[in-house]
Protein backbone atom coordinates (compact mmCIF):
# COMPACT_ATOMS: atom_id res chain seq x y z
CA MET A 1 21.52 12.98 -28.01
CA LYS A 2 18.02 12.49 -29.53
CA ASN A 3 17.69 8.70 -31.27
CA LEU A 4 20.33 6.24 -29.73
CA LYS A 5 19.67 3.15 -29.76
CA GLY A 6 20.82 0.78 -27.24
CA ALA A 7 19.72 -0.92 -23.49
CA ALA A 8 18.39 1.28 -20.45
CA LEU A 9 20.18 0.58 -16.81
CA LEU A 10 18.79 1.61 -13.81
CA GLY A 11 20.38 1.67 -10.34
CA GLN A 12 18.85 2.51 -7.14
CA SER A 13 21.03 3.90 -4.49
CA GLY A 14 20.73 5.33 -0.91
CA GLY A 15 17.80 4.49 2.06
CA PRO A 16 15.44 2.66 0.59
CA THR A 17 11.52 4.62 0.68
CA SER A 18 8.28 3.31 0.51
CA VAL A 19 7.47 4.11 -2.99
CA ILE A 20 11.39 3.98 -4.89
CA ASN A 21 9.91 0.83 -6.19
CA ALA A 22 7.27 3.07 -7.93
CA SER A 23 9.44 4.99 -9.58
CA ALA A 24 11.24 1.41 -10.63
CA ALA A 25 7.99 0.48 -11.91
CA GLY A 26 7.59 3.51 -14.02
CA VAL A 27 10.74 3.16 -15.45
CA PHE A 28 10.63 -0.11 -16.59
CA THR A 29 7.51 -0.76 -17.87
CA GLU A 30 7.82 2.44 -19.54
CA ALA A 31 11.01 1.52 -21.02
CA LEU A 32 9.85 -1.85 -22.18
CA LYS A 33 7.66 0.31 -24.82
CA GLN A 34 10.11 2.23 -26.35
CA GLU A 35 11.50 1.13 -29.46
CA ASN A 36 14.92 2.42 -29.42
CA ILE A 37 15.37 0.80 -25.76
CA THR A 38 16.69 -2.55 -26.87
CA GLU A 39 17.21 -4.29 -23.50
CA VAL A 40 16.20 -2.91 -20.13
CA TYR A 41 18.59 -4.01 -17.00
CA GLY A 42 18.40 -3.32 -13.16
CA ALA A 43 21.77 -3.03 -11.35
CA VAL A 44 22.41 -5.33 -8.95
CA HIS A 45 22.88 -3.41 -5.67
CA GLY A 46 23.03 0.17 -7.90
CA ILE A 47 26.76 1.70 -8.94
CA ARG A 48 28.72 -1.67 -7.16
CA GLY A 49 26.94 -3.96 -9.22
CA ILE A 50 27.52 -2.26 -12.47
CA LEU A 51 31.19 -1.59 -11.62
CA ASN A 52 31.06 -5.97 -10.86
CA GLU A 53 28.61 -6.41 -13.79
CA GLU A 54 25.82 -7.64 -12.46
CA PHE A 55 22.81 -6.85 -14.13
CA TYR A 56 18.94 -7.98 -13.80
CA ASP A 57 17.09 -8.79 -16.93
CA MET A 58 13.70 -7.01 -16.50
CA GLY A 59 12.13 -7.90 -19.47
CA GLN A 60 12.28 -11.71 -18.73
CA GLU A 61 9.51 -10.56 -15.84
CA ASP A 62 5.97 -10.82 -15.97
CA LEU A 63 4.17 -7.11 -16.19
CA ASP A 64 1.82 -7.92 -13.64
CA GLU A 65 4.66 -8.04 -11.17
CA LEU A 66 6.54 -5.10 -12.40
CA LEU A 67 2.95 -3.09 -11.54
CA ARG A 68 3.06 -4.90 -7.88
CA LEU A 69 6.15 -3.00 -7.71
CA LYS A 70 4.39 0.32 -7.22
CA ASN A 71 3.32 -1.08 -3.75
CA THR A 72 6.41 -2.77 -2.33
CA PRO A 73 8.32 -0.89 -0.24
CA SER A 74 12.09 -0.74 -0.30
CA SER A 75 14.75 -1.38 -3.01
CA SER A 76 13.56 -4.83 -5.30
CA ILE A 77 17.08 -4.87 -7.14
CA GLY A 78 18.95 -4.08 -4.67
CA SER A 79 20.35 -0.43 -3.20
CA VAL A 80 24.17 0.48 -1.98
CA ARG A 81 25.95 3.48 -0.42
CA TYR A 82 28.87 3.74 -2.18
CA LYS A 83 30.98 6.78 -2.84
CA LEU A 84 32.51 7.17 -6.82
CA LYS A 85 36.90 8.62 -6.53
CA ASN A 86 37.49 11.89 -7.53
CA PRO A 87 37.95 11.66 -11.16
CA LYS A 88 40.69 13.72 -11.16
CA LYS A 89 42.70 11.91 -8.82
CA ASP A 90 41.47 8.32 -9.23
CA ALA A 91 39.16 7.55 -12.76
CA SER A 92 39.87 3.80 -12.54
CA GLU A 93 36.10 3.22 -11.56
CA TYR A 94 34.83 5.33 -13.97
CA ASP A 95 37.17 3.84 -16.88
CA ARG A 96 35.57 0.75 -15.69
CA LEU A 97 32.39 1.47 -16.27
CA LEU A 98 32.91 3.50 -19.41
CA GLU A 99 33.67 -0.25 -20.07
CA VAL A 100 30.88 -2.23 -19.05
CA PHE A 101 28.61 0.68 -20.29
CA ARG A 102 29.98 0.16 -23.92
CA LYS A 103 30.35 -3.65 -23.42
CA TYR A 104 26.03 -3.94 -22.96
CA ASN A 105 25.87 -1.19 -25.37
CA ILE A 106 24.20 1.36 -22.67
CA ARG A 107 22.80 4.10 -23.59
CA TYR A 108 20.56 5.23 -20.90
CA PHE A 109 20.96 5.33 -17.69
CA PHE A 110 18.73 6.36 -14.76
CA TYR A 111 19.93 6.54 -11.13
CA ASN A 112 17.45 6.30 -8.61
CA GLY A 113 18.42 8.16 -5.30
CA GLY A 114 19.09 11.46 -3.28
CA ASN A 115 21.71 13.94 -3.47
CA ASP A 116 24.40 11.85 -3.46
CA SER A 117 22.86 9.64 -5.95
CA MET A 118 22.42 12.72 -8.01
CA ASP A 119 26.06 13.24 -8.11
CA THR A 120 27.01 10.32 -8.42
CA CYS A 121 24.38 11.04 -11.53
CA ASN A 122 26.16 13.67 -12.59
CA LYS A 123 29.83 12.86 -12.56
CA ILE A 124 29.51 9.71 -14.39
CA SER A 125 27.43 11.39 -17.29
CA LYS A 126 30.15 14.30 -17.53
CA TYR A 127 32.84 11.91 -17.70
CA PHE A 128 31.05 9.94 -20.41
CA LYS A 129 30.88 13.10 -21.97
CA ASN A 130 34.29 13.35 -22.00
CA ALA A 131 34.82 10.01 -22.99
CA GLY A 132 33.05 10.45 -25.99
CA TRP A 133 30.11 8.01 -25.33
CA ASP A 134 26.74 9.05 -26.51
CA CYS A 135 24.08 7.88 -22.88
CA ASN A 136 21.27 10.08 -21.79
CA VAL A 137 21.53 9.89 -17.93
CA MET A 138 18.42 11.10 -16.06
CA GLY A 139 18.44 10.56 -12.26
CA VAL A 140 15.20 9.82 -10.68
CA PRO A 141 14.78 11.50 -6.88
CA LYS A 142 13.97 10.04 -3.85
CA THR A 143 14.30 10.17 -0.29
CA ILE A 144 12.06 10.24 2.87
CA ASP A 145 14.19 13.45 4.12
CA ASN A 146 12.71 16.04 1.60
CA ASP A 147 16.39 17.63 0.98
CA LEU A 148 16.56 16.92 -2.56
CA ASN A 149 17.41 21.23 -3.52
CA ILE A 150 15.38 22.75 -6.24
CA THR A 151 12.40 20.58 -5.94
CA ASP A 152 8.90 21.66 -4.57
CA HIS A 153 9.17 17.92 -2.79
CA SER A 154 10.68 14.57 -3.29
CA PRO A 155 9.08 11.06 -3.52
CA GLY A 156 9.29 9.35 -0.55
CA TYR A 157 8.32 11.82 1.77
CA GLY A 158 4.65 12.24 1.62
CA SER A 159 4.57 8.20 2.24
CA ALA A 160 7.02 8.63 5.29
CA ALA A 161 5.14 11.74 6.68
CA LYS A 162 1.87 10.48 7.17
CA TYR A 163 3.35 7.05 8.88
CA VAL A 164 5.31 9.65 11.41
CA ALA A 165 2.25 11.89 11.69
CA THR A 166 -0.17 8.74 11.90
CA SER A 167 1.97 7.10 14.78
CA PHE A 168 2.66 10.29 17.05
CA MET A 169 -1.35 10.20 16.91
CA GLU A 170 -1.13 6.73 18.17
CA LEU A 171 1.30 6.81 20.42
CA TYR A 172 -0.56 9.98 22.11
CA GLN A 173 -3.40 7.57 22.75
CA ASP A 174 -1.33 5.56 24.58
CA ALA A 175 1.16 7.96 26.12
CA MET A 176 -1.52 10.35 27.96
CA VAL A 177 -3.70 6.87 29.75
CA TYR A 178 -1.73 6.06 32.74
CA ASP A 179 -2.45 8.81 35.86
CA ILE A 180 1.65 8.98 36.31
CA PRO A 181 4.02 11.44 35.10
CA GLN A 182 5.63 10.30 32.24
CA VAL A 183 7.83 11.18 29.26
CA THR A 184 7.98 9.96 25.73
CA ILE A 185 10.84 11.01 23.47
CA VAL A 186 10.49 9.89 20.15
CA GLU A 187 13.83 9.86 17.83
CA VAL A 188 12.44 10.23 13.94
CA MET A 189 15.07 10.51 10.83
CA GLY A 190 16.63 13.83 9.17
CA ARG A 191 20.21 14.41 9.45
CA ASN A 192 20.47 17.84 8.55
CA ALA A 193 16.97 18.59 7.42
CA GLY A 194 13.77 18.33 9.58
CA TRP A 195 11.47 17.56 7.03
CA LEU A 196 10.83 14.24 8.85
CA VAL A 197 10.50 15.43 12.30
CA ALA A 198 8.12 18.01 11.17
CA ALA A 199 5.53 15.84 10.05
CA SER A 200 4.70 14.85 13.20
CA ALA A 201 3.25 18.47 13.42
CA LEU A 202 0.64 17.11 11.54
CA ALA A 203 -0.38 14.74 14.09
CA SER A 204 -0.72 17.92 16.29
CA TYR A 205 -2.67 19.98 14.03
CA LYS A 206 -5.39 17.08 14.88
CA GLY A 207 -4.66 17.86 18.49
CA ALA A 208 -2.85 13.73 19.24
CA GLY A 209 0.67 15.57 18.36
CA PRO A 210 4.46 16.38 20.58
CA ASP A 211 4.35 18.69 22.99
CA LEU A 212 8.30 19.28 22.43
CA THR A 213 9.92 19.64 18.27
CA TYR A 214 12.89 19.97 17.60
CA LEU A 215 14.79 20.05 14.12
CA PRO A 216 18.09 19.94 12.53
CA GLU A 217 18.08 23.75 11.44
CA VAL A 218 17.37 24.99 14.94
CA ALA A 219 20.34 24.52 17.41
CA PHE A 220 19.78 22.48 20.66
CA ASP A 221 19.34 24.13 24.25
CA THR A 222 19.47 21.13 26.49
CA GLU A 223 18.84 24.39 29.52
CA GLU A 224 16.35 26.00 27.00
CA PHE A 225 14.62 21.76 26.28
CA LEU A 226 14.84 21.14 30.27
CA GLU A 227 12.77 24.32 31.58
CA ASP A 228 10.21 24.25 28.62
CA LEU A 229 9.65 20.56 29.80
CA LYS A 230 9.49 21.45 33.01
CA ALA A 231 6.38 23.71 31.70
CA VAL A 232 5.13 21.22 30.01
CA LEU A 233 5.12 18.57 32.88
CA ASP A 234 3.84 21.21 35.37
CA ALA A 235 1.10 22.02 33.31
CA LYS A 236 0.25 18.59 32.28
CA GLY A 237 1.52 15.91 34.00
CA LYS A 238 2.61 14.15 30.58
CA ALA A 239 4.78 15.25 27.54
CA ILE A 240 6.08 14.05 24.04
CA VAL A 241 8.74 15.12 22.66
CA ALA A 242 10.16 14.86 18.85
CA ILE A 243 13.05 15.01 17.76
CA SER A 244 15.55 14.83 14.79
CA GLU A 245 18.54 12.23 15.02
CA GLY A 246 20.11 15.12 13.59
CA VAL A 247 19.65 17.72 16.17
CA LYS A 248 23.09 19.19 17.05
CA THR A 249 24.19 21.87 19.70
CA LYS A 250 25.11 25.01 19.04
CA GLU A 251 29.29 23.39 19.17
CA GLY A 252 28.02 21.43 15.97
CA LYS A 253 27.66 17.95 18.46
CA TYR A 254 24.71 15.29 17.60
CA LEU A 255 23.40 14.51 20.92
CA PRO A 256 25.11 11.02 20.88
CA GLU A 257 28.22 12.41 20.68
CA LEU A 258 28.34 14.24 24.10
CA PHE A 259 28.02 10.63 25.55
CA GLY A 260 30.73 8.67 22.71
CA GLU A 261 31.89 8.75 19.21
CA LEU A 262 29.81 8.43 16.03
CA LYS A 263 31.41 6.42 13.08
CA THR A 264 30.84 7.30 9.44
CA ASP A 265 29.42 5.84 6.49
CA ALA A 266 30.83 5.21 2.68
CA PHE A 267 29.92 9.09 2.05
CA GLY A 268 31.50 9.92 5.30
CA HIS A 269 28.19 11.25 7.29
CA ALA A 270 28.09 10.47 10.66
CA GLN A 271 25.85 7.33 11.44
CA LEU A 272 23.23 8.96 13.23
CA GLY A 273 20.75 7.12 16.10
CA GLY A 274 20.76 7.08 19.55
CA ALA A 275 19.37 10.78 20.29
CA ALA A 276 16.05 10.24 21.83
CA GLN A 277 17.80 7.21 24.44
CA ALA A 278 20.75 10.10 25.20
CA LEU A 279 18.04 12.74 25.52
CA ALA A 280 15.93 10.49 27.67
CA ASP A 281 18.70 9.62 30.07
CA GLU A 282 19.43 13.11 30.76
CA VAL A 283 15.89 13.88 31.75
CA LYS A 284 15.99 10.83 34.15
CA ASN A 285 18.97 12.26 35.54
CA HIS A 286 16.34 16.16 36.26
CA PHE A 287 13.21 14.13 37.03
CA ASP A 288 11.73 11.76 38.67
CA LEU A 289 9.53 10.17 36.28
CA LYS A 290 8.96 7.47 33.52
CA VAL A 291 10.95 7.74 30.56
CA ARG A 292 10.18 6.37 27.61
CA ALA A 293 13.00 6.26 24.17
CA ILE A 294 11.86 5.53 20.86
CA GLU A 295 13.29 5.42 17.63
CA PHE A 296 11.08 4.75 14.24
CA SER A 297 14.11 4.02 12.64
CA LEU A 298 13.69 1.58 9.76
CA LEU A 299 9.88 1.39 9.77
CA GLN A 300 9.24 5.39 9.00
CA ARG A 301 10.47 4.16 5.45
CA SER A 302 9.65 1.30 4.48
CA ALA A 303 5.72 1.33 6.18
CA ALA A 304 4.15 0.99 2.66
CA HIS A 305 0.54 -0.26 4.78
CA LEU A 306 0.30 3.69 5.36
CA ALA A 307 1.60 4.67 1.44
CA SER A 308 0.22 8.08 0.15
CA LYS A 309 -1.76 7.76 -2.85
CA VAL A 310 -0.44 11.34 -4.19
CA ASP A 311 3.32 9.84 -3.01
CA VAL A 312 2.79 6.04 -5.10
CA LYS A 313 1.29 8.31 -8.12
CA GLU A 314 4.34 10.93 -8.60
CA ALA A 315 6.72 8.20 -8.07
CA PHE A 316 5.26 5.60 -10.38
CA GLU A 317 5.14 9.21 -12.97
CA VAL A 318 8.64 10.16 -12.64
CA GLY A 319 9.93 7.15 -13.65
CA LYS A 320 8.11 7.32 -16.69
CA ARG A 321 8.46 10.77 -16.72
CA ALA A 322 12.72 10.02 -16.67
CA VAL A 323 12.28 7.55 -19.87
CA LYS A 324 10.60 9.78 -21.60
CA ALA A 325 12.76 12.04 -21.36
CA ALA A 326 15.52 9.99 -21.89
CA VAL A 327 14.42 8.78 -25.49
CA THR A 328 13.44 12.24 -26.82
CA GLY A 329 17.60 13.86 -26.02
CA ALA A 330 17.30 14.64 -22.45
CA THR A 331 20.48 14.11 -20.38
CA ASP A 332 22.32 15.50 -17.24
CA ARG A 333 18.31 16.10 -15.66
CA MET A 334 16.52 14.96 -12.26
CA ILE A 335 12.74 15.31 -13.01
CA GLY A 336 11.22 17.25 -10.11
CA PHE A 337 7.69 19.30 -9.26
CA GLU A 338 7.41 22.51 -9.36
CA ARG A 339 4.07 23.44 -6.82
CA VAL A 340 1.60 25.54 -9.00
CA SER A 341 -1.36 25.50 -6.23
CA SER A 342 -1.78 23.58 -2.17
CA ASN A 343 -5.89 23.75 -1.95
CA PRO A 344 -6.47 22.14 -4.87
CA TYR A 345 -3.00 20.42 -4.89
CA LYS A 346 -1.84 20.91 -8.23
CA ILE A 347 1.78 20.11 -9.34
CA LYS A 348 4.07 20.36 -12.58
CA TYR A 349 6.59 17.98 -13.74
CA LYS A 350 10.33 19.75 -14.57
CA ARG A 351 13.29 18.45 -15.43
CA ILE A 352 15.79 20.03 -13.58
CA PRO A 353 20.07 19.89 -14.12
CA LEU A 354 21.89 17.24 -11.98
CA THR A 355 24.16 20.12 -11.03
CA LYS A 356 21.68 22.00 -9.55
CA ALA A 357 20.47 19.09 -7.70
CA ALA A 358 23.73 17.62 -6.44
CA ASN A 359 24.61 17.71 -3.26
CA THR A 360 22.79 20.91 -2.22
CA GLU A 361 20.23 20.89 0.64
CA GLN A 362 16.96 21.71 1.13
CA LYS A 363 15.93 22.80 4.63
CA VAL A 364 12.79 23.54 6.20
CA PRO A 365 12.62 27.47 6.46
CA LEU A 366 13.02 29.19 9.61
CA GLU A 367 10.07 30.84 9.26
CA TRP A 368 8.29 27.63 9.57
CA ILE A 369 9.69 26.83 12.78
CA LYS A 370 8.39 28.12 15.69
CA PRO A 371 11.24 29.09 18.93
CA ARG A 372 11.69 26.41 21.42
CA GLY A 373 10.74 23.71 19.84
CA GLN A 374 6.76 24.76 20.10
CA GLY A 375 6.49 23.31 16.39
CA LEU A 376 5.65 24.50 12.92
CA THR A 377 3.58 27.06 11.20
CA GLN A 378 0.18 26.72 9.45
CA GLU A 379 2.70 27.20 7.05
CA PHE A 380 3.97 23.87 6.70
CA ILE A 381 0.65 22.36 7.61
CA ASP A 382 -0.16 23.51 4.14
CA TYR A 383 2.53 22.67 2.53
CA ALA A 384 2.24 19.07 4.08
CA LEU A 385 -1.06 18.35 3.96
CA PRO A 386 -1.56 17.77 0.02
CA LEU A 387 1.07 15.17 0.02
CA ILE A 388 -0.15 12.87 2.55
CA GLN A 389 -3.60 12.22 0.76
CA GLY A 390 -5.08 8.98 -0.46
CA ASP A 391 -4.31 5.44 0.49
CA ASP A 392 -2.98 3.15 -2.18
CA LYS A 393 -1.29 0.26 -1.06
CA ALA A 394 -0.64 -3.99 -1.91
CA LYS A 395 -3.71 -6.28 -1.92
CA LEU A 396 -3.59 -8.76 0.73
CA GLU A 397 -3.34 -12.70 0.22
CA ASP A 398 -4.40 -14.25 3.46
CA GLY A 399 -4.75 -11.01 5.35
CA LEU A 400 -1.31 -10.34 4.23
CA PRO A 401 0.08 -7.46 1.47
CA ARG A 402 1.36 -9.23 -1.51
CA PHE A 403 4.75 -7.57 -2.82
CA ALA A 404 6.19 -8.33 -6.10
CA LYS A 405 7.99 -11.43 -6.85
CA LEU A 406 10.38 -10.97 -9.43
CA LYS A 407 12.50 -13.63 -10.93
CA LYS A 408 15.77 -11.64 -10.83
CA VAL A 409 16.81 -13.31 -13.88
CA ARG A 410 20.94 -12.27 -14.28
CA VAL A 411 21.85 -10.99 -17.13
CA ALA A 412 25.20 -13.89 -18.74
CA LYS A 413 28.49 -11.49 -18.41
CA LYS A 414 29.89 -10.84 -21.92
């Protein structure tokens, strides 16, 4: 659908990252340059904002502040976890979206998110086509989980991986300093894919990482864990354990679920967290020593002070390329990466059909995972190292980061 003339709209969805705003900066700055784009809007809290007809007028922002988004963490215009109903069962929300798009003549729609967001993007695109509304729809990927399919990696992962690896290296210095036995258990995000906890292997690569590492790709065996932990303690007197929040037993239960019930979010996913504490309690029952449970939690996805230069650059670029693709007629696509080489690191940008990106997960290859929590292979190190290179962070004012300060001018409802 080439030569569409009308407004462009960006929505952000799902968990924030330290570079999701870099993609927003790419979309906004590029869209403002395009002749066929008449207005540039930012949806206030993603799909919910569109349904409520709540937009920011990005054309009112200073260019310098938009560019500062490249080094500002989290979702500048507000994110959301909202699952649209199945249009075959209830099309009312899609009818409302179509009403809003027509009212504001929105001809370009960009949705910045992960698996569920790409599914939302795909459903909206199909519905608009069937309804006869010409609108080029593009997915802009992001996720610290690195689980988006058909792309070498996802914007957000490199910076989060750098934070995880660096934090483990720093924790190592502290956890090994005392002359008493101690176990430190660190919980890292990752529901079904263990890419982020795998990043702790980069710390091990530098000689300061965990002794045992557990990914959700491999069923967790409590008896084996206790045996392997004892072996580490017998050899060193201390141990550091890295565990993904999404680790399950062979029966399919999350570790915290062994001791209570888990709530679910808007997408029906279990609300995770507490795996480190659950495992720490189990360790205390078997060993007479000091045990610490640490949960990186939100820190790992908002640590812009450790942002990878590669990650920031690529996140900004996918936003720009999504706009350039849309104004030349591309639709129903997500911008992704194809790796050409790791040394030197080189990638190609590609347009991935939304149907392939939606609701599918890319997991850590099993052949990269060593047995019984012994870490990751060199193949993973070679894959991940290029993604964490370089430093790109906000300039300091009074010793503190100067993040973007948007005016956030609301668009008057029509």
